[in-house]
């Protein structure tokens, strides 16, 4: 249980994060408004907040699912999937290098 949030809200957030929605998109789908919406977006976007940690963990499953689907299609000989898989791997390496060298 994350203080200030119901178990149902956290579970819904996780489900939406898995399909790749941003915290703002999730707040919209959950019908949050005003201060509650701002607090939710702030907490879900904060990597140090328990809600943010849960969001990031669930969002990582989205990338894993995409990678698995691309890998399956590429293995079956889909040239577009193979090319896209290559481009995504290259971009991942570039992003990792940027984080290491420049902290971005």
PDB file of N, CA and C in Angstrom:
ATOM      1  N   UNK A   1       0.840  -1.189   0.000  1.00  0.00           N
ATOM      2  CA  UNK A   1       0.000   0.000   0.000  1.00  0.00           C
ATOM      3  C   UNK A   1       0.885   1.254   0.000  1.00  0.00           C
ATOM      4  N   UNK A   2       0.615   2.130  -0.914  1.00  0.00           N
ATOM      5  CA  UNK A   2       1.345   3.386  -1.021  1.00  0.00           C
ATOM      6  C   UNK A   2       0.500   4.462  -0.346  1.00  0.00           C
ATOM      7  N   UNK A   3       1.093   5.141   0.619  1.00  0.00           N
ATOM      8  CA  UNK A   3       0.372   6.132   1.408  1.00  0.00           C
ATOM      9  C   UNK A   3      -0.287   7.172   0.512  1.00  0.00           C
ATOM     10  N   UNK A   4      -1.583   7.384   0.734  1.00  0.00           N
ATOM     11  CA  UNK A   4      -2.331   8.375  -0.014  1.00  0.00           C
ATOM     12  C   UNK A   4      -3.000   7.848  -1.268  1.00  0.00           C
ATOM     13  N   UNK A   5      -2.788   6.576  -1.590  1.00  0.00           N
ATOM     14  CA  UNK A   5      -3.362   5.988  -2.797  1.00  0.00           C
ATOM     15  C   UNK A   5      -4.023   4.651  -2.464  1.00  0.00           C
ATOM     16  N   UNK A   6      -5.189   4.408  -3.055  1.00  0.00           N
ATOM     17  CA  UNK A   6      -5.873   3.131  -2.826  1.00  0.00           C
ATOM     18  C   UNK A   6      -5.189   2.027  -3.627  1.00  0.00           C
ATOM     19  N   UNK A   7      -5.378   0.815  -3.185  1.00  0.00           N
ATOM     20  CA  UNK A   7      -4.806  -0.323  -3.904  1.00  0.00           C
ATOM     21  C   UNK A   7      -5.375  -0.412  -5.314  1.00  0.00           C
ATOM     22  N   UNK A   8      -6.651  -0.061  -5.469  1.00  0.00           N
ATOM     23  CA  UNK A   8      -7.290  -0.114  -6.779  1.00  0.00           C
ATOM     24  C   UNK A   8      -6.651   0.896  -7.740  1.00  0.00           C
ATOM     25  N   UNK A   9      -6.371   2.098  -7.239  1.00  0.00           N
ATOM     26  CA  UNK A   9      -5.755   3.121  -8.082  1.00  0.00           C
ATOM     27  C   UNK A   9      -4.353   2.684  -8.503  1.00  0.00           C
ATOM     28  N   UNK A  10      -3.588   2.152  -7.577  1.00  0.00           N
ATOM     29  CA  UNK A  10      -2.226   1.706  -7.900  1.00  0.00           C
ATOM     30  C   UNK A  10      -2.277   0.564  -8.912  1.00  0.00           C
ATOM     31  N   UNK A  11      -3.205  -0.368  -8.726  1.00  0.00           N
ATOM     32  CA  UNK A  11      -3.331  -1.486  -9.665  1.00  0.00           C
ATOM     33  C   UNK A  11      -3.712  -0.988 -11.059  1.00  0.00           C
ATOM     34  N   UNK A  12      -4.623  -0.029 -11.128  1.00  0.00           N
ATOM     35  CA  UNK A  12      -5.012   0.534 -12.427  1.00  0.00           C
ATOM     36  C   UNK A  12      -3.843   1.255 -13.077  1.00  0.00           C
ATOM     37  N   UNK A  13      -3.074   2.016 -12.259  1.00  0.00           N
ATOM     38  CA  UNK A  13      -1.910   2.712 -12.789  1.00  0.00           C
ATOM     39  C   UNK A  13      -0.924   1.721 -13.397  1.00  0.00           C
ATOM     40  N   UNK A  14      -0.692   0.607 -12.695  1.00  0.00           N
ATOM     41  CA  UNK A  14       0.237  -0.405 -13.200  1.00  0.00           C
ATOM     42  C   UNK A  14      -0.247  -0.973 -14.531  1.00  0.00           C
ATOM     43  N   UNK A  15      -1.545  -1.259 -14.628  1.00  0.00           N
ATOM     44  CA  UNK A  15      -2.098  -1.789 -15.876  1.00  0.00           C
ATOM     45  C   UNK A  15      -1.901  -0.807 -17.026  1.00  0.00           C
ATOM     46  N   UNK A  16      -2.150   0.463 -16.768  1.00  0.00           N
ATOM     47  CA  UNK A  16      -1.976   1.470 -17.813  1.00  0.00           C
ATOM     48  C   UNK A  16      -0.501   1.681 -18.155  1.00  0.00           C
ATOM     49  N   UNK A  17       0.370   1.588 -17.171  1.00  0.00           N
ATOM     50  CA  UNK A  17       1.812   1.760 -17.421  1.00  0.00           C
ATOM     51  C   UNK A  17       2.333   0.643 -18.315  1.00  0.00           C
ATOM     52  N   UNK A  18       1.815  -0.568 -18.120  1.00  0.00           N
ATOM     53  CA  UNK A  18       2.261  -1.713 -18.921  1.00  0.00           C
ATOM     54  C   UNK A  18       1.946  -1.504 -20.398  1.00  0.00           C
ATOM     55  N   UNK A  19       0.869  -0.792 -20.696  1.00  0.00           N
ATOM     56  CA  UNK A  19       0.548  -0.563 -22.111  1.00  0.00           C
ATOM     57  C   UNK A  19       1.196   0.710 -22.651  1.00  0.00           C
ATOM     58  N   UNK A  20       2.055   1.338 -21.825  1.00  0.00           N
ATOM     59  CA  UNK A  20       2.876   2.435 -22.317  1.00  0.00           C
ATOM     60  C   UNK A  20       2.331   3.830 -22.124  1.00  0.00           C
ATOM     61  N   UNK A  21       1.333   4.012 -21.258  1.00  0.00           N
ATOM     62  CA  UNK A  21       0.793   5.349 -21.048  1.00  0.00           C
ATOM     63  C   UNK A  21       1.652   6.149 -20.073  1.00  0.00           C
ATOM     64  N   UNK A  22       1.699   7.451 -20.277  1.00  0.00           N
ATOM     65  CA  UNK A  22       2.442   8.350 -19.385  1.00  0.00           C
ATOM     66  C   UNK A  22       1.599   8.611 -18.136  1.00  0.00           C
ATOM     67  N   UNK A  23       2.223   9.139 -17.062  1.00  0.00           N
ATOM     68  CA  UNK A  23       1.437   9.472 -15.874  1.00  0.00           C
ATOM     69  C   UNK A  23       0.268  10.420 -16.169  1.00  0.00           C
ATOM     70  N   UNK A  24       0.465  11.405 -17.043  1.00  0.00           N
ATOM     71  CA  UNK A  24      -0.619  12.330 -17.381  1.00  0.00           C
ATOM     72  C   UNK A  24      -1.759  11.601 -18.099  1.00  0.00           C
ATOM     73  N   UNK A  25      -1.424  10.701 -19.005  1.00  0.00           N
ATOM     74  CA  UNK A  25      -2.454   9.937 -19.700  1.00  0.00           C
ATOM     75  C   UNK A  25      -3.199   9.022 -18.730  1.00  0.00           C
ATOM     76  N   UNK A  26      -2.468   8.457 -17.778  1.00  0.00           N
ATOM     77  CA  UNK A  26      -3.099   7.591 -16.781  1.00  0.00           C
ATOM     78  C   UNK A  26      -4.045   8.405 -15.905  1.00  0.00           C
ATOM     79  N   UNK A  27      -3.608   9.585 -15.469  1.00  0.00           N
ATOM     80  CA  UNK A  27      -4.466  10.445 -14.649  1.00  0.00           C
ATOM     81  C   UNK A  27      -5.759  10.768 -15.392  1.00  0.00           C
ATOM     82  N   UNK A  28      -5.652  11.011 -16.690  1.00  0.00           N
ATOM     83  CA  UNK A  28      -6.830  11.293 -17.508  1.00  0.00           C
ATOM     84  C   UNK A  28      -7.766  10.092 -17.532  1.00  0.00           C
ATOM     85  N   UNK A  29      -7.210   8.900 -17.772  1.00  0.00           N
ATOM     86  CA  UNK A  29      -8.025   7.686 -17.823  1.00  0.00           C
ATOM     87  C   UNK A  29      -8.672   7.364 -16.473  1.00  0.00           C
ATOM     88  N   UNK A  30      -7.997   7.728 -15.392  1.00  0.00           N
ATOM     89  CA  UNK A  30      -8.533   7.470 -14.057  1.00  0.00           C
ATOM     90  C   UNK A  30      -9.527   8.541 -13.619  1.00  0.00           C
ATOM     91  N   UNK A  31      -9.676   9.569 -14.416  1.00  0.00           N
ATOM     92  CA  UNK A  31     -10.626  10.627 -14.108  1.00  0.00           C
ATOM     93  C   UNK A  31     -10.189  11.529 -12.965  1.00  0.00           C
ATOM     94  N   UNK A  32      -8.887  11.649 -12.771  1.00  0.00           N
ATOM     95  CA  UNK A  32      -8.376  12.492 -11.698  1.00  0.00           C
ATOM     96  C   UNK A  32      -8.387  13.954 -12.130  1.00  0.00           C
ATOM     97  N   UNK A  33      -8.686  14.831 -11.202  1.00  0.00           N
ATOM     98  CA  UNK A  33      -8.716  16.245 -11.521  1.00  0.00           C
ATOM     99  C   UNK A  33      -8.156  17.082 -10.391  1.00  0.00           C
ATOM    100  N   UNK A  34      -7.847  18.331 -10.701  1.00  0.00           N
ATOM    101  CA  UNK A  34      -7.396  19.295  -9.708  1.00  0.00           C
ATOM    102  C   UNK A  34      -6.145  18.871  -8.970  1.00  0.00           C
ATOM    103  N   UNK A  35      -6.117  19.154  -7.662  1.00  0.00           N
ATOM    104  CA  UNK A  35      -4.938  18.842  -6.853  1.00  0.00           C
ATOM    105  C   UNK A  35      -4.604  17.352  -6.829  1.00  0.00           C
ATOM    106  N   UNK A  36      -5.646  16.521  -6.866  1.00  0.00           N
ATOM    107  CA  UNK A  36      -5.416  15.067  -6.873  1.00  0.00           C
ATOM    108  C   UNK A  36      -4.657  14.638  -8.131  1.00  0.00           C
ATOM    109  N   UNK A  37      -5.019  15.220  -9.265  1.00  0.00           N
ATOM    110  CA  UNK A  37      -4.346  14.918 -10.529  1.00  0.00           C
ATOM    111  C   UNK A  37      -2.881  15.366 -10.484  1.00  0.00           C
ATOM    112  N   UNK A  38      -2.661  16.598 -10.023  1.00  0.00           N
ATOM    113  CA  UNK A  38      -1.301  17.125  -9.956  1.00  0.00           C
ATOM    114  C   UNK A  38      -0.426  16.284  -9.021  1.00  0.00           C
ATOM    115  N   UNK A  39      -0.985  15.895  -7.879  1.00  0.00           N
ATOM    116  CA  UNK A  39      -0.231  15.079  -6.923  1.00  0.00           C
ATOM    117  C   UNK A  39       0.102  13.710  -7.528  1.00  0.00           C
ATOM    118  N   UNK A  40      -0.869  13.111  -8.219  1.00  0.00           N
ATOM    119  CA  UNK A  40      -0.645  11.809  -8.847  1.00  0.00           C
ATOM    120  C   UNK A  40       0.462  11.895  -9.899  1.00  0.00           C
ATOM    121  N   UNK A  41       0.378  12.878 -10.784  1.00  0.00           N
ATOM    122  CA  UNK A  41       1.378  13.027 -11.850  1.00  0.00           C
ATOM    123  C   UNK A  41       2.753  13.288 -11.250  1.00  0.00           C
ATOM    124  N   UNK A  42       2.816  14.163 -10.236  1.00  0.00           N
ATOM    125  CA  UNK A  42       4.090  14.458  -9.570  1.00  0.00           C
ATOM    126  C   UNK A  42       4.688  13.190  -8.954  1.00  0.00           C
ATOM    127  N   UNK A  43       3.884  12.442  -8.210  1.00  0.00           N
ATOM    128  CA  UNK A  43       4.386  11.252  -7.525  1.00  0.00           C
ATOM    129  C   UNK A  43       4.757  10.137  -8.504  1.00  0.00           C
ATOM    130  N   UNK A  44       3.949   9.938  -9.540  1.00  0.00           N
ATOM    131  CA  UNK A  44       4.232   8.881 -10.521  1.00  0.00           C
ATOM    132  C   UNK A  44       5.454   9.217 -11.367  1.00  0.00           C
ATOM    133  N   UNK A  45       5.767  10.504 -11.502  1.00  0.00           N
ATOM    134  CA  UNK A  45       6.922  10.930 -12.299  1.00  0.00           C
ATOM    135  C   UNK A  45       8.212  10.981 -11.487  1.00  0.00           C
ATOM    136  N   UNK A  46       8.106  10.866 -10.172  1.00  0.00           N
ATOM    137  CA  UNK A  46       9.259  10.944  -9.280  1.00  0.00           C
ATOM    138  C   UNK A  46       9.846   9.547  -9.073  1.00  0.00           C
ATOM    139  N   UNK A  47      11.049   9.329  -9.579  1.00  0.00           N
ATOM    140  CA  UNK A  47      11.687   8.003  -9.506  1.00  0.00           C
ATOM    141  C   UNK A  47      11.947   7.554  -8.072  1.00  0.00           C
ATOM    142  N   UNK A  48      11.983   8.494  -7.122  1.00  0.00           N
ATOM    143  CA  UNK A  48      12.259   8.168  -5.725  1.00  0.00           C
ATOM    144  C   UNK A  48      10.986   7.887  -4.922  1.00  0.00           C
ATOM    145  N   UNK A  49       9.848   8.334  -5.407  1.00  0.00           N
ATOM    146  CA  UNK A  49       8.576   8.125  -4.708  1.00  0.00           C
ATOM    147  C   UNK A  49       8.115   6.682  -4.930  1.00  0.00           C
ATOM    148  N   UNK A  50       7.502   6.055  -3.931  1.00  0.00           N
ATOM    149  CA  UNK A  50       7.019   4.668  -4.108  1.00  0.00           C
ATOM    150  C   UNK A  50       6.090   4.500  -5.317  1.00  0.00           C
ATOM    151  N   UNK A  51       5.239   5.498  -5.588  1.00  0.00           N
ATOM    152  CA  UNK A  51       4.356   5.403  -6.755  1.00  0.00           C
ATOM    153  C   UNK A  51       5.167   5.467  -8.043  1.00  0.00           C
ATOM    154  N   UNK A  52       6.175   6.333  -8.063  1.00  0.00           N
ATOM    155  CA  UNK A  52       7.046   6.438  -9.235  1.00  0.00           C
ATOM    156  C   UNK A  52       7.819   5.157  -9.481  1.00  0.00           C
ATOM    157  N   UNK A  53       8.272   4.523  -8.416  1.00  0.00           N
ATOM    158  CA  UNK A  53       8.988   3.245  -8.545  1.00  0.00           C
ATOM    159  C   UNK A  53       8.079   2.180  -9.143  1.00  0.00           C
ATOM    160  N   UNK A  54       6.834   2.132  -8.673  1.00  0.00           N
ATOM    161  CA  UNK A  54       5.872   1.160  -9.224  1.00  0.00           C
ATOM    162  C   UNK A  54       5.558   1.465 -10.676  1.00  0.00           C
ATOM    163  N   UNK A  55       5.437   2.755 -11.002  1.00  0.00           N
ATOM    164  CA  UNK A  55       5.178   3.140 -12.394  1.00  0.00           C
ATOM    165  C   UNK A  55       6.319   2.685 -13.299  1.00  0.00           C
ATOM    166  N   UNK A  56       7.555   2.975 -12.897  1.00  0.00           N
ATOM    167  CA  UNK A  56       8.712   2.604 -13.722  1.00  0.00           C
ATOM    168  C   UNK A  56       8.840   1.094 -13.883  1.00  0.00           C
ATOM    169  N   UNK A  57       8.590   0.372 -12.807  1.00  0.00           N
ATOM    170  CA  UNK A  57       8.671  -1.093 -12.880  1.00  0.00           C
ATOM    171  C   UNK A  57       7.632  -1.638 -13.861  1.00  0.00           C
ATOM    172  N   UNK A  58       6.411  -1.135 -13.775  1.00  0.00           N
ATOM    173  CA  UNK A  58       5.355  -1.593 -14.674  1.00  0.00           C
ATOM    174  C   UNK A  58       5.606  -1.140 -16.108  1.00  0.00           C
ATOM    175  N   UNK A  59       6.090   0.084 -16.274  1.00  0.00           N
ATOM    176  CA  UNK A  59       6.365   0.603 -17.623  1.00  0.00           C
ATOM    177  C   UNK A  59       7.461  -0.199 -18.301  1.00  0.00           C
ATOM    178  N   UNK A  60       8.398  -0.736 -17.527  1.00  0.00           N
ATOM    179  CA  UNK A  60       9.476  -1.527 -18.121  1.00  0.00           C
ATOM    180  C   UNK A  60       8.939  -2.803 -18.761  1.00  0.00           C
ATOM    181  N   UNK A  61       7.812  -3.297 -18.266  1.00  0.00           N
ATOM    182  CA  UNK A  61       7.208  -4.492 -18.863  1.00  0.00           C
ATOM    183  C   UNK A  61       6.704  -4.199 -20.271  1.00  0.00           C
ATOM    184  N   UNK A  62       6.299  -2.948 -20.508  1.00  0.00           N
ATOM    185  CA  UNK A  62       5.848  -2.549 -21.846  1.00  0.00           C
ATOM    186  C   UNK A  62       6.979  -2.728 -22.856  1.00  0.00           C
ATOM    187  N   UNK A  63       8.156  -2.254 -22.503  1.00  0.00           N
ATOM    188  CA  UNK A  63       9.313  -2.393 -23.395  1.00  0.00           C
ATOM    189  C   UNK A  63       9.663  -3.858 -23.595  1.00  0.00           C
ATOM    190  N   UNK A  64       9.600  -4.643 -22.530  1.00  0.00           N
ATOM    191  CA  UNK A  64       9.892  -6.076 -22.635  1.00  0.00           C
ATOM    192  C   UNK A  64       8.914  -6.765 -23.582  1.00  0.00           C
ATOM    193  N   UNK A  65       7.632  -6.412 -23.490  1.00  0.00           N
ATOM    194  CA  UNK A  65       6.618  -7.005 -24.357  1.00  0.00           C
ATOM    195  C   UNK A  65       6.853  -6.646 -25.821  1.00  0.00           C
ATOM    196  N   UNK A  66       7.205  -5.381 -26.065  1.00  0.00           N
ATOM    197  CA  UNK A  66       7.487  -4.957 -27.440  1.00  0.00           C
ATOM    198  C   UNK A  66       8.708  -5.685 -27.978  1.00  0.00           C
ATOM    199  N   UNK A  67       9.748  -5.766 -27.155  1.00  0.00           N
ATOM    200  CA  UNK A  67      10.967  -6.466 -27.573  1.00  0.00           C
ATOM    201  C   UNK A  67      10.675  -7.925 -27.919  1.00  0.00           C
ATOM    202  N   UNK A  68       9.871  -8.578 -27.100  1.00  0.00           N
ATOM    203  CA  UNK A  68       9.542  -9.984 -27.344  1.00  0.00           C
ATOM    204  C   UNK A  68       8.755 -10.145 -28.642  1.00  0.00           C
ATOM    205  N   UNK A  69       7.787  -9.273 -28.880  1.00  0.00           N
ATOM    206  CA  UNK A  69       6.987  -9.358 -30.103  1.00  0.00           C
ATOM    207  C   UNK A  69       7.848  -9.098 -31.338  1.00  0.00           C
ATOM    208  N   UNK A  70       8.724  -8.106 -31.260  1.00  0.00           N
ATOM    209  CA  UNK A  70       9.620  -7.815 -32.388  1.00  0.00           C
ATOM    210  C   UNK A  70      10.562  -8.978 -32.650  1.00  0.00           C
ATOM    211  N   UNK A  71      11.092  -9.542 -31.586  1.00  0.00           N
ATOM    212  CA  UNK A  71      12.006 -10.669 -31.718  1.00  0.00           C
ATOM    213  C   UNK A  71      11.306 -11.849 -32.383  1.00  0.00           C
ATOM    214  N   UNK A  72      10.081 -12.126 -31.983  1.00  0.00           N
ATOM    215  CA  UNK A  72       9.321 -13.234 -32.586  1.00  0.00           C
ATOM    216  C   UNK A  72       9.111 -12.988 -34.083  1.00  0.00           C
ATOM    217  N   UNK A  73       8.703 -11.770 -34.441  1.00  0.00           N
ATOM    218  CA  UNK A  73       8.462 -11.457 -35.850  1.00  0.00           C
ATOM    219  C   UNK A  73       9.763 -11.510 -36.643  1.00  0.00           C
ATOM    220  N   UNK A  74      10.846 -10.992 -36.081  1.00  0.00           N
ATOM    221  CA  UNK A  74      12.140 -11.014 -36.768  1.00  0.00           C
ATOM    222  C   UNK A  74      12.629 -12.445 -36.948  1.00  0.00           C
ATOM    223  N   UNK A  75      12.426 -13.273 -35.954  1.00  0.00           N
ATOM    224  CA  UNK A  75      12.836 -14.679 -36.039  1.00  0.00           C
ATOM    225  C   UNK A  75      12.086 -15.409 -37.147  1.00  0.00           C
ATOM    226  N   UNK A  76      10.853 -14.990 -37.396  1.00  0.00           N
ATOM    227  CA  UNK A  76      10.044 -15.613 -38.445  1.00  0.00           C
ATOM    228  C   UNK A  76      10.353 -15.047 -39.824  1.00  0.00           C
ATOM    229  N   UNK A  77      11.315 -14.091 -39.886  1.00  0.00           N
ATOM    230  CA  UNK A  77      11.751 -13.579 -41.180  1.00  0.00           C
ATOM    231  C   UNK A  77      11.112 -12.277 -41.611  1.00  0.00           C
ATOM    232  N   UNK A  78      10.390 -11.611 -40.735  1.00  0.00           N
ATOM    233  CA  UNK A  78       9.778 -10.327 -41.069  1.00  0.00           C
ATOM    234  C   UNK A  78      10.884  -9.274 -41.164  1.00  0.00           C
ATOM    235  N   UNK A  79      11.163  -8.813 -42.382  1.00  0.00           N
ATOM    236  CA  UNK A  79      12.270  -7.881 -42.615  1.00  0.00           C
ATOM    237  C   UNK A  79      12.051  -6.544 -41.904  1.00  0.00           C
ATOM    238  N   UNK A  80      10.812  -6.048 -41.873  1.00  0.00           N
ATOM    239  CA  UNK A  80      10.537  -4.782 -41.197  1.00  0.00           C
ATOM    240  C   UNK A  80      10.788  -4.912 -39.697  1.00  0.00           C
ATOM    241  N   UNK A  81      10.377  -6.024 -39.123  1.00  0.00           N
ATOM    242  CA  UNK A  81      10.590  -6.247 -37.689  1.00  0.00           C
ATOM    243  C   UNK A  81      12.079  -6.367 -37.392  1.00  0.00           C
ATOM    244  N   UNK A  82      12.801  -7.028 -38.266  1.00  0.00           N
ATOM    245  CA  UNK A  82      14.243  -7.172 -38.079  1.00  0.00           C
ATOM    246  C   UNK A  82      14.934  -5.812 -38.111  1.00  0.00           C
ATOM    247  N   UNK A  83      14.556  -4.980 -39.060  1.00  0.00           N
ATOM    248  CA  UNK A  83      15.130  -3.634 -39.179  1.00  0.00           C
ATOM    249  C   UNK A  83      14.783  -2.784 -37.948  1.00  0.00           C
ATOM    250  N   UNK A  84      13.522  -2.829 -37.537  1.00  0.00           N
ATOM    251  CA  UNK A  84      13.092  -2.055 -36.374  1.00  0.00           C
ATOM    252  C   UNK A  84      13.797  -2.543 -35.111  1.00  0.00           C
ATOM    253  N   UNK A  85      13.965  -3.839 -34.973  1.00  0.00           N
ATOM    254  CA  UNK A  85      14.672  -4.387 -33.817  1.00  0.00           C
ATOM    255  C   UNK A  85      16.117  -3.879 -33.789  1.00  0.00           C
ATOM    256  N   UNK A  86      16.761  -3.872 -34.938  1.00  0.00           N
ATOM    257  CA  UNK A  86      18.134  -3.359 -35.042  1.00  0.00           C
ATOM    258  C   UNK A  86      18.181  -1.879 -34.646  1.00  0.00           C
ATOM    259  N   UNK A  87      17.250  -1.087 -35.162  1.00  0.00           N
ATOM    260  CA  UNK A  87      17.234   0.348 -34.872  1.00  0.00           C
ATOM    261  C   UNK A  87      16.992   0.612 -33.382  1.00  0.00           C
ATOM    262  N   UNK A  88      16.097  -0.153 -32.770  1.00  0.00           N
ATOM    263  CA  UNK A  88      15.831   0.023 -31.341  1.00  0.00           C
ATOM    264  C   UNK A  88      17.043  -0.350 -30.492  1.00  0.00           C
ATOM    265  N   UNK A  89      17.725  -1.417 -30.859  1.00  0.00           N
ATOM    266  CA  UNK A  89      18.943  -1.821 -30.119  1.00  0.00           C
ATOM    267  C   UNK A  89      20.017  -0.737 -30.237  1.00  0.00           C
ATOM    268  N   UNK A  90      20.163  -0.204 -31.446  1.00  0.00           N
ATOM    269  CA  UNK A  90      21.136   0.866 -31.665  1.00  0.00           C
ATOM    270  C   UNK A  90      20.782   2.086 -30.811  1.00  0.00           C
ATOM    271  N   UNK A  91      19.501   2.470 -30.804  1.00  0.00           N
ATOM    272  CA  UNK A  91      19.074   3.622 -30.017  1.00  0.00           C
ATOM    273  C   UNK A  91      19.288   3.378 -28.520  1.00  0.00           C
ATOM    274  N   UNK A  92      19.049   2.152 -28.064  1.00  0.00           N
ATOM    275  CA  UNK A  92      19.305   1.810 -26.659  1.00  0.00           C
ATOM    276  C   UNK A  92      20.775   2.007 -26.304  1.00  0.00           C
ATOM    277  N   UNK A  93      21.666   1.582 -27.210  1.00  0.00           N
ATOM    278  CA  UNK A  93      23.103   1.754 -26.961  1.00  0.00           C
ATOM    279  C   UNK A  93      23.490   3.235 -26.939  1.00  0.00           C
ATOM    280  N   UNK A  94      22.924   4.016 -27.853  1.00  0.00           N
ATOM    281  CA  UNK A  94      23.192   5.453 -27.894  1.00  0.00           C
ATOM    282  C   UNK A  94      22.694   6.116 -26.608  1.00  0.00           C
ATOM    283  N   UNK A  95      21.483   5.764 -26.180  1.00  0.00           N
ATOM    284  CA  UNK A  95      20.922   6.338 -24.957  1.00  0.00           C
ATOM    285  C   UNK A  95      21.754   5.974 -23.733  1.00  0.00           C
ATOM    286  N   UNK A  96      22.213   4.740 -23.664  1.00  0.00           N
ATOM    287  CA  UNK A  96      23.040   4.306 -22.539  1.00  0.00           C
ATOM    288  C   UNK A  96      24.362   5.071 -22.516  1.00  0.00           C
ATOM    289  N   UNK A  97      24.956   5.262 -23.668  1.00  0.00           N
ATOM    290  CA  UNK A  97      26.208   6.017 -23.760  1.00  0.00           C
ATOM    291  C   UNK A  97      25.996   7.473 -23.325  1.00  0.00           C
ATOM    292  N   UNK A  98      24.881   8.081 -23.724  1.00  0.00           N
ATOM    293  CA  UNK A  98      24.565   9.446 -23.306  1.00  0.00           C
ATOM    294  C   UNK A  98      24.437   9.523 -21.788  1.00  0.00           C
ATOM    295  N   UNK A  99      23.772   8.525 -21.204  1.00  0.00           N
ATOM    296  CA  UNK A  99      23.619   8.529 -19.745  1.00  0.00           C
ATOM    297  C   UNK A  99      24.980   8.431 -19.055  1.00  0.00           C
ATOM    298  N   UNK A 100      25.841   7.563 -19.569  1.00  0.00           N
ATOM    299  CA  UNK A 100      27.154   7.380 -18.960  1.00  0.00           C
ATOM    300  C   UNK A 100      28.034   8.613 -19.123  1.00  0.00           C
ATOM    301  N   UNK A 101      28.045   9.185 -20.313  1.00  0.00           N
ATOM    302  CA  UNK A 101      28.946  10.293 -20.586  1.00  0.00           C
ATOM    303  C   UNK A 101      28.428  11.646 -20.087  1.00  0.00           C
ATOM    304  N   UNK A 102      27.129  11.868 -20.261  1.00  0.00           N
ATOM    305  CA  UNK A 102      26.585  13.201 -20.001  1.00  0.00           C
ATOM    306  C   UNK A 102      25.520  13.240 -18.910  1.00  0.00           C
ATOM    307  N   UNK A 103      25.125  12.081 -18.399  1.00  0.00           N
ATOM    308  CA  UNK A 103      24.107  12.048 -17.364  1.00  0.00           C
ATOM    309  C   UNK A 103      22.718  12.414 -17.835  1.00  0.00           C
ATOM    310  N   UNK A 104      22.453  12.197 -19.151  1.00  0.00           N
ATOM    311  CA  UNK A 104      21.117  12.513 -19.683  1.00  0.00           C
ATOM    312  C   UNK A 104      20.430  11.269 -20.169  1.00  0.00           C
TER     313      UNK A 104
END
